[in-house]
Amino acid sequence: MDVVSPASHAAALWAGLTLLLMLVLAVLVVRQRQRHHVLIGDDGVPELVRAQRAFGNASEYAPAGIAALAILAVAGAHPVLVHGVGALLFFGRLAHAAGLSRSTGMSIGRSGGIVLTWLAFLIAGALLIFYSVP
């Protein structure tokens, strides 16, 4: 019987949380569509525009982040490193979505969220290169 590594459990945790965040953001888009009777596009409704961008932005970053977590786990990264990258990714996307959901202007949530997300990408990229060397 194969034993799943602790790093795989860490990757699964953060990937699962990030997917649930994306689901919540998708539901918020649907709620705004229903509230404003908009089937396609945004009809210029500011709340719908913000909800769509919060989901869209998460959709742009989350897949690559989740893939990085999975590859780090498979490559043998220490679970603490996987947890660190996963936490940065998740909380970065959460902060960004919260900030964008409240305002289309600059906010601490948006700025902090993108910094955390880019930091997750930077660290994951460096770790993946490190673990690629035999």
N, C-alpha and C. Protein backbone atom coordinates (compact mmCIF):
# COMPACT_ATOMS: atom_id res chain seq x y z
N MET A 1 0.83 -1.17 0.00
CA MET A 1 0.00 0.00 0.00
C MET A 1 0.89 1.24 0.00
N ASP A 2 0.57 2.20 -0.88
CA ASP A 2 1.32 3.43 -0.95
C ASP A 2 0.96 4.34 0.21
N VAL A 3 1.97 5.03 0.70
CA VAL A 3 1.76 5.98 1.79
C VAL A 3 1.83 7.39 1.21
N VAL A 4 0.82 8.18 1.50
CA VAL A 4 0.80 9.55 1.01
C VAL A 4 1.71 10.39 1.91
N SER A 5 2.56 11.20 1.29
CA SER A 5 3.53 11.98 2.05
C SER A 5 2.86 13.13 2.79
N PRO A 6 3.47 13.58 3.88
CA PRO A 6 2.95 14.75 4.58
C PRO A 6 2.89 15.99 3.67
N ALA A 7 3.83 16.10 2.74
CA ALA A 7 3.81 17.23 1.80
C ALA A 7 2.59 17.16 0.90
N SER A 8 2.18 15.95 0.54
CA SER A 8 0.96 15.79 -0.27
C SER A 8 -0.27 16.20 0.51
N HIS A 9 -0.30 15.87 1.79
CA HIS A 9 -1.41 16.30 2.64
C HIS A 9 -1.45 17.83 2.74
N ALA A 10 -0.28 18.45 2.86
CA ALA A 10 -0.21 19.91 2.92
C ALA A 10 -0.72 20.52 1.63
N ALA A 11 -0.28 19.98 0.50
CA ALA A 11 -0.73 20.49 -0.80
C ALA A 11 -2.23 20.32 -0.95
N ALA A 12 -2.75 19.18 -0.50
CA ALA A 12 -4.19 18.93 -0.60
C ALA A 12 -4.97 19.92 0.24
N LEU A 13 -4.48 20.24 1.42
CA LEU A 13 -5.17 21.20 2.29
C LEU A 13 -5.30 22.55 1.61
N TRP A 14 -4.18 23.10 1.14
CA TRP A 14 -4.20 24.44 0.58
C TRP A 14 -4.88 24.48 -0.78
N ALA A 15 -4.75 23.43 -1.56
CA ALA A 15 -5.48 23.37 -2.84
C ALA A 15 -6.98 23.31 -2.57
N GLY A 16 -7.38 22.52 -1.59
CA GLY A 16 -8.80 22.41 -1.25
C GLY A 16 -9.37 23.73 -0.76
N LEU A 17 -8.64 24.42 0.11
CA LEU A 17 -9.10 25.71 0.61
C LEU A 17 -9.19 26.74 -0.52
N THR A 18 -8.22 26.73 -1.41
CA THR A 18 -8.23 27.67 -2.53
C THR A 18 -9.40 27.38 -3.46
N LEU A 19 -9.68 26.12 -3.71
CA LEU A 19 -10.83 25.77 -4.55
C LEU A 19 -12.15 26.19 -3.90
N LEU A 20 -12.24 26.02 -2.59
CA LEU A 20 -13.46 26.46 -1.89
C LEU A 20 -13.61 27.98 -1.95
N LEU A 21 -12.51 28.70 -1.84
CA LEU A 21 -12.55 30.15 -2.00
C LEU A 21 -13.06 30.52 -3.38
N MET A 22 -12.57 29.83 -4.40
CA MET A 22 -13.02 30.11 -5.76
C MET A 22 -14.51 29.81 -5.92
N LEU A 23 -14.99 28.77 -5.27
CA LEU A 23 -16.41 28.45 -5.33
C LEU A 23 -17.24 29.56 -4.68
N VAL A 24 -16.79 30.04 -3.53
CA VAL A 24 -17.50 31.14 -2.87
C VAL A 24 -17.53 32.37 -3.78
N LEU A 25 -16.41 32.68 -4.42
CA LEU A 25 -16.37 33.83 -5.32
C LEU A 25 -17.30 33.64 -6.51
N ALA A 26 -17.40 32.41 -7.02
CA ALA A 26 -18.31 32.13 -8.13
C ALA A 26 -19.77 32.31 -7.69
N VAL A 27 -20.08 31.85 -6.50
CA VAL A 27 -21.44 32.00 -5.97
C VAL A 27 -21.79 33.49 -5.81
N LEU A 28 -20.82 34.29 -5.39
CA LEU A 28 -21.06 35.72 -5.25
C LEU A 28 -21.37 36.38 -6.59
N VAL A 29 -20.73 35.90 -7.66
CA VAL A 29 -21.05 36.40 -9.00
C VAL A 29 -22.49 36.04 -9.36
N VAL A 30 -22.86 34.80 -9.13
CA VAL A 30 -24.22 34.34 -9.46
C VAL A 30 -25.25 35.14 -8.65
N ARG A 31 -24.97 35.37 -7.39
CA ARG A 31 -25.90 36.16 -6.57
C ARG A 31 -26.09 37.57 -7.12
N GLN A 32 -25.01 38.19 -7.56
CA GLN A 32 -25.12 39.53 -8.13
C GLN A 32 -25.88 39.49 -9.46
N ARG A 33 -25.65 38.45 -10.25
CA ARG A 33 -26.39 38.31 -11.51
C ARG A 33 -27.89 38.19 -11.23
N GLN A 34 -28.25 37.37 -10.26
CA GLN A 34 -29.65 37.19 -9.92
C GLN A 34 -30.26 38.47 -9.34
N ARG A 35 -29.54 39.13 -8.47
CA ARG A 35 -30.03 40.35 -7.83
C ARG A 35 -30.32 41.45 -8.86
N HIS A 36 -29.45 41.53 -9.89
CA HIS A 36 -29.58 42.61 -10.87
C HIS A 36 -30.15 42.14 -12.21
N HIS A 37 -30.57 40.88 -12.28
CA HIS A 37 -31.18 40.31 -13.48
C HIS A 37 -30.29 40.48 -14.71
N VAL A 38 -29.03 40.11 -14.56
CA VAL A 38 -28.05 40.19 -15.65
C VAL A 38 -27.62 38.77 -15.99
N LEU A 39 -27.91 38.33 -17.22
CA LEU A 39 -27.57 36.97 -17.62
C LEU A 39 -26.16 36.85 -18.19
N ILE A 40 -25.71 37.89 -18.89
CA ILE A 40 -24.38 37.86 -19.50
C ILE A 40 -23.78 39.24 -19.42
N GLY A 41 -22.47 39.30 -19.30
CA GLY A 41 -21.81 40.58 -19.15
C GLY A 41 -22.01 41.13 -17.76
N ASP A 42 -21.89 42.46 -17.64
CA ASP A 42 -22.06 43.07 -16.31
C ASP A 42 -23.10 44.19 -16.30
N ASP A 43 -23.61 44.58 -17.45
CA ASP A 43 -24.64 45.62 -17.56
C ASP A 43 -24.25 46.91 -16.83
N GLY A 44 -22.96 47.09 -16.59
CA GLY A 44 -22.51 48.29 -15.90
C GLY A 44 -22.82 48.33 -14.42
N VAL A 45 -23.20 47.20 -13.84
CA VAL A 45 -23.54 47.15 -12.41
C VAL A 45 -22.23 47.02 -11.61
N PRO A 46 -21.88 48.04 -10.83
CA PRO A 46 -20.59 48.03 -10.13
C PRO A 46 -20.37 46.81 -9.24
N GLU A 47 -21.42 46.37 -8.52
CA GLU A 47 -21.27 45.20 -7.63
C GLU A 47 -20.96 43.94 -8.44
N LEU A 48 -21.59 43.82 -9.58
CA LEU A 48 -21.34 42.66 -10.44
C LEU A 48 -19.95 42.72 -11.05
N VAL A 49 -19.54 43.90 -11.46
CA VAL A 49 -18.19 44.06 -12.01
C VAL A 49 -17.15 43.64 -10.98
N ARG A 50 -17.30 44.09 -9.74
CA ARG A 50 -16.35 43.74 -8.69
C ARG A 50 -16.36 42.24 -8.41
N ALA A 51 -17.55 41.66 -8.34
CA ALA A 51 -17.65 40.21 -8.09
C ALA A 51 -16.99 39.42 -9.22
N GLN A 52 -17.23 39.84 -10.46
CA GLN A 52 -16.63 39.14 -11.59
C GLN A 52 -15.11 39.24 -11.57
N ARG A 53 -14.60 40.44 -11.25
CA ARG A 53 -13.15 40.62 -11.22
C ARG A 53 -12.51 39.86 -10.06
N ALA A 54 -13.18 39.79 -8.93
CA ALA A 54 -12.64 39.03 -7.80
C ALA A 54 -12.52 37.55 -8.18
N PHE A 55 -13.56 37.02 -8.82
CA PHE A 55 -13.50 35.63 -9.27
C PHE A 55 -12.48 35.47 -10.40
N GLY A 56 -12.53 36.38 -11.37
CA GLY A 56 -11.62 36.29 -12.51
C GLY A 56 -10.17 36.36 -12.10
N ASN A 57 -9.86 37.25 -11.18
CA ASN A 57 -8.48 37.38 -10.75
C ASN A 57 -8.02 36.13 -10.02
N ALA A 58 -8.88 35.57 -9.18
CA ALA A 58 -8.53 34.32 -8.50
C ALA A 58 -8.33 33.21 -9.52
N SER A 59 -9.16 33.20 -10.56
CA SER A 59 -9.05 32.18 -11.60
C SER A 59 -7.76 32.30 -12.39
N GLU A 60 -7.22 33.50 -12.45
CA GLU A 60 -5.96 33.72 -13.17
C GLU A 60 -4.75 33.23 -12.40
N TYR A 61 -4.80 33.30 -11.08
CA TYR A 61 -3.64 32.94 -10.26
C TYR A 61 -3.74 31.56 -9.60
N ALA A 62 -4.91 31.16 -9.17
CA ALA A 62 -5.05 29.93 -8.38
C ALA A 62 -4.58 28.67 -9.11
N PRO A 63 -4.92 28.46 -10.38
CA PRO A 63 -4.49 27.21 -11.01
C PRO A 63 -2.98 27.00 -11.02
N ALA A 64 -2.22 28.04 -11.34
CA ALA A 64 -0.76 27.90 -11.34
C ALA A 64 -0.25 27.66 -9.92
N GLY A 65 -0.85 28.33 -8.94
CA GLY A 65 -0.44 28.13 -7.56
C GLY A 65 -0.73 26.72 -7.07
N ILE A 66 -1.89 26.21 -7.41
CA ILE A 66 -2.25 24.84 -7.02
C ILE A 66 -1.34 23.83 -7.70
N ALA A 67 -1.03 24.07 -8.97
CA ALA A 67 -0.11 23.18 -9.69
C ALA A 67 1.26 23.19 -9.02
N ALA A 68 1.72 24.37 -8.63
CA ALA A 68 3.02 24.46 -7.96
C ALA A 68 3.02 23.68 -6.65
N LEU A 69 1.94 23.77 -5.89
CA LEU A 69 1.84 23.01 -4.65
C LEU A 69 1.93 21.51 -4.91
N ALA A 70 1.21 21.05 -5.92
CA ALA A 70 1.21 19.62 -6.24
C ALA A 70 2.60 19.15 -6.68
N ILE A 71 3.26 19.95 -7.51
CA ILE A 71 4.58 19.55 -7.99
C ILE A 71 5.60 19.60 -6.86
N LEU A 72 5.49 20.58 -5.99
CA LEU A 72 6.39 20.62 -4.83
C LEU A 72 6.24 19.35 -3.97
N ALA A 73 5.00 18.93 -3.76
CA ALA A 73 4.77 17.72 -2.96
C ALA A 73 5.37 16.49 -3.65
N VAL A 74 5.16 16.38 -4.94
CA VAL A 74 5.69 15.23 -5.69
C VAL A 74 7.22 15.27 -5.75
N ALA A 75 7.78 16.47 -5.82
CA ALA A 75 9.23 16.61 -5.93
C ALA A 75 9.95 16.35 -4.61
N GLY A 76 9.19 16.20 -3.53
CA GLY A 76 9.80 15.87 -2.24
C GLY A 76 10.07 17.05 -1.34
N ALA A 77 9.41 18.17 -1.59
CA ALA A 77 9.60 19.34 -0.73
C ALA A 77 9.15 19.03 0.69
N HIS A 78 9.77 19.67 1.65
CA HIS A 78 9.40 19.50 3.05
C HIS A 78 7.97 20.03 3.24
N PRO A 79 7.16 19.35 4.05
CA PRO A 79 5.78 19.80 4.26
C PRO A 79 5.66 21.25 4.75
N VAL A 80 6.61 21.71 5.56
CA VAL A 80 6.56 23.08 6.04
C VAL A 80 6.66 24.06 4.88
N LEU A 81 7.48 23.73 3.88
CA LEU A 81 7.60 24.60 2.70
C LEU A 81 6.30 24.61 1.90
N VAL A 82 5.69 23.46 1.77
CA VAL A 82 4.43 23.37 1.03
C VAL A 82 3.34 24.15 1.79
N HIS A 83 3.31 24.01 3.10
CA HIS A 83 2.35 24.76 3.90
C HIS A 83 2.60 26.27 3.76
N GLY A 84 3.86 26.66 3.77
CA GLY A 84 4.18 28.08 3.64
C GLY A 84 3.71 28.66 2.31
N VAL A 85 4.02 27.98 1.23
CA VAL A 85 3.58 28.44 -0.10
C VAL A 85 2.06 28.42 -0.18
N GLY A 86 1.45 27.35 0.32
CA GLY A 86 -0.01 27.24 0.27
C GLY A 86 -0.70 28.33 1.07
N ALA A 87 -0.18 28.64 2.25
CA ALA A 87 -0.77 29.69 3.07
C ALA A 87 -0.63 31.05 2.40
N LEU A 88 0.54 31.33 1.83
CA LEU A 88 0.73 32.60 1.12
C LEU A 88 -0.25 32.72 -0.04
N LEU A 89 -0.39 31.65 -0.80
CA LEU A 89 -1.31 31.66 -1.94
C LEU A 89 -2.75 31.87 -1.47
N PHE A 90 -3.19 31.07 -0.52
CA PHE A 90 -4.58 31.15 -0.08
C PHE A 90 -4.91 32.50 0.54
N PHE A 91 -4.08 32.94 1.49
CA PHE A 91 -4.39 34.20 2.16
C PHE A 91 -4.18 35.40 1.23
N GLY A 92 -3.28 35.25 0.27
CA GLY A 92 -3.14 36.29 -0.74
C GLY A 92 -4.37 36.43 -1.60
N ARG A 93 -4.91 35.30 -2.04
CA ARG A 93 -6.12 35.33 -2.87
C ARG A 93 -7.32 35.79 -2.04
N LEU A 94 -7.39 35.38 -0.79
CA LEU A 94 -8.49 35.79 0.08
C LEU A 94 -8.46 37.30 0.31
N ALA A 95 -7.29 37.83 0.65
CA ALA A 95 -7.16 39.27 0.89
C ALA A 95 -7.48 40.07 -0.37
N HIS A 96 -6.97 39.61 -1.50
CA HIS A 96 -7.21 40.33 -2.75
C HIS A 96 -8.70 40.33 -3.09
N ALA A 97 -9.34 39.19 -2.96
CA ALA A 97 -10.78 39.10 -3.26
C ALA A 97 -11.59 39.98 -2.32
N ALA A 98 -11.24 39.99 -1.04
CA ALA A 98 -11.96 40.83 -0.08
C ALA A 98 -11.78 42.30 -0.42
N GLY A 99 -10.55 42.70 -0.73
CA GLY A 99 -10.29 44.09 -1.07
C GLY A 99 -11.00 44.51 -2.34
N LEU A 100 -10.97 43.66 -3.35
CA LEU A 100 -11.61 43.98 -4.63
C LEU A 100 -13.13 43.96 -4.53
N SER A 101 -13.65 43.12 -3.67
CA SER A 101 -15.10 43.03 -3.50
C SER A 101 -15.69 44.30 -2.89
N ARG A 102 -14.86 45.02 -2.16
CA ARG A 102 -15.34 46.24 -1.49
C ARG A 102 -15.17 47.50 -2.34
N SER A 103 -14.14 47.50 -3.21
CA SER A 103 -13.84 48.70 -3.98
C SER A 103 -13.01 48.35 -5.20
N THR A 104 -13.20 49.07 -6.29
CA THR A 104 -12.37 48.85 -7.47
C THR A 104 -11.08 49.65 -7.37
N GLY A 105 -10.99 50.54 -6.38
CA GLY A 105 -9.77 51.33 -6.18
C GLY A 105 -8.73 50.54 -5.41
N MET A 106 -7.60 51.18 -5.19
CA MET A 106 -6.54 50.54 -4.41
C MET A 106 -7.01 50.35 -2.97
N SER A 107 -6.57 49.24 -2.39
CA SER A 107 -6.91 48.96 -0.99
C SER A 107 -5.80 48.10 -0.39
N ILE A 108 -5.77 48.07 0.92
CA ILE A 108 -4.78 47.23 1.60
C ILE A 108 -4.99 45.77 1.22
N GLY A 109 -6.25 45.34 1.13
CA GLY A 109 -6.53 43.95 0.77
C GLY A 109 -6.00 43.60 -0.61
N ARG A 110 -6.28 44.45 -1.57
CA ARG A 110 -5.81 44.19 -2.94
C ARG A 110 -4.29 44.20 -2.99
N SER A 111 -3.68 45.23 -2.43
CA SER A 111 -2.22 45.36 -2.48
C SER A 111 -1.55 44.23 -1.71
N GLY A 112 -2.01 44.00 -0.49
CA GLY A 112 -1.43 42.92 0.31
C GLY A 112 -1.65 41.56 -0.32
N GLY A 113 -2.82 41.38 -0.91
CA GLY A 113 -3.13 40.10 -1.54
C GLY A 113 -2.23 39.79 -2.71
N ILE A 114 -1.96 40.78 -3.53
CA ILE A 114 -1.09 40.51 -4.68
C ILE A 114 0.35 40.30 -4.22
N VAL A 115 0.78 41.03 -3.19
CA VAL A 115 2.13 40.82 -2.67
C VAL A 115 2.28 39.39 -2.14
N LEU A 116 1.29 38.93 -1.37
CA LEU A 116 1.35 37.56 -0.84
C LEU A 116 1.34 36.53 -1.96
N THR A 117 0.49 36.76 -2.96
CA THR A 117 0.40 35.82 -4.08
C THR A 117 1.71 35.78 -4.86
N TRP A 118 2.26 36.94 -5.16
CA TRP A 118 3.52 36.97 -5.90
C TRP A 118 4.66 36.37 -5.08
N LEU A 119 4.62 36.57 -3.78
CA LEU A 119 5.63 35.97 -2.91
C LEU A 119 5.50 34.44 -2.95
N ALA A 120 4.26 33.94 -2.94
CA ALA A 120 4.05 32.50 -3.06
C ALA A 120 4.62 31.99 -4.38
N PHE A 121 4.37 32.72 -5.47
CA PHE A 121 4.89 32.32 -6.78
C PHE A 121 6.42 32.36 -6.80
N LEU A 122 7.00 33.41 -6.24
CA LEU A 122 8.46 33.54 -6.21
C LEU A 122 9.09 32.39 -5.43
N ILE A 123 8.57 32.13 -4.26
CA ILE A 123 9.12 31.05 -3.42
C ILE A 123 8.90 29.70 -4.09
N ALA A 124 7.70 29.46 -4.59
CA ALA A 124 7.41 28.18 -5.25
C ALA A 124 8.32 27.99 -6.46
N GLY A 125 8.48 29.03 -7.26
CA GLY A 125 9.35 28.93 -8.43
C GLY A 125 10.77 28.60 -8.05
N ALA A 126 11.29 29.29 -7.04
CA ALA A 126 12.66 29.02 -6.59
C ALA A 126 12.79 27.60 -6.05
N LEU A 127 11.81 27.18 -5.26
CA LEU A 127 11.84 25.82 -4.71
C LEU A 127 11.75 24.77 -5.81
N LEU A 128 10.90 25.00 -6.78
CA LEU A 128 10.78 24.03 -7.88
C LEU A 128 12.10 23.92 -8.65
N ILE A 129 12.76 25.03 -8.86
CA ILE A 129 14.08 24.97 -9.52
C ILE A 129 15.07 24.23 -8.63
N PHE A 130 15.06 24.52 -7.34
CA PHE A 130 15.96 23.83 -6.39
C PHE A 130 15.72 22.32 -6.42
N TYR A 131 14.45 21.91 -6.37
CA TYR A 131 14.15 20.48 -6.34
C TYR A 131 14.31 19.81 -7.71
N SER A 132 14.51 20.59 -8.75
CA SER A 132 14.71 20.00 -10.06
C SER A 132 16.13 19.51 -10.26
N VAL A 133 17.04 19.98 -9.41
CA VAL A 133 18.45 19.59 -9.52
C VAL A 133 18.66 18.29 -8.76
N PRO A 134 19.13 17.25 -9.44
CA PRO A 134 19.32 15.96 -8.76
C PRO A 134 20.44 15.99 -7.73
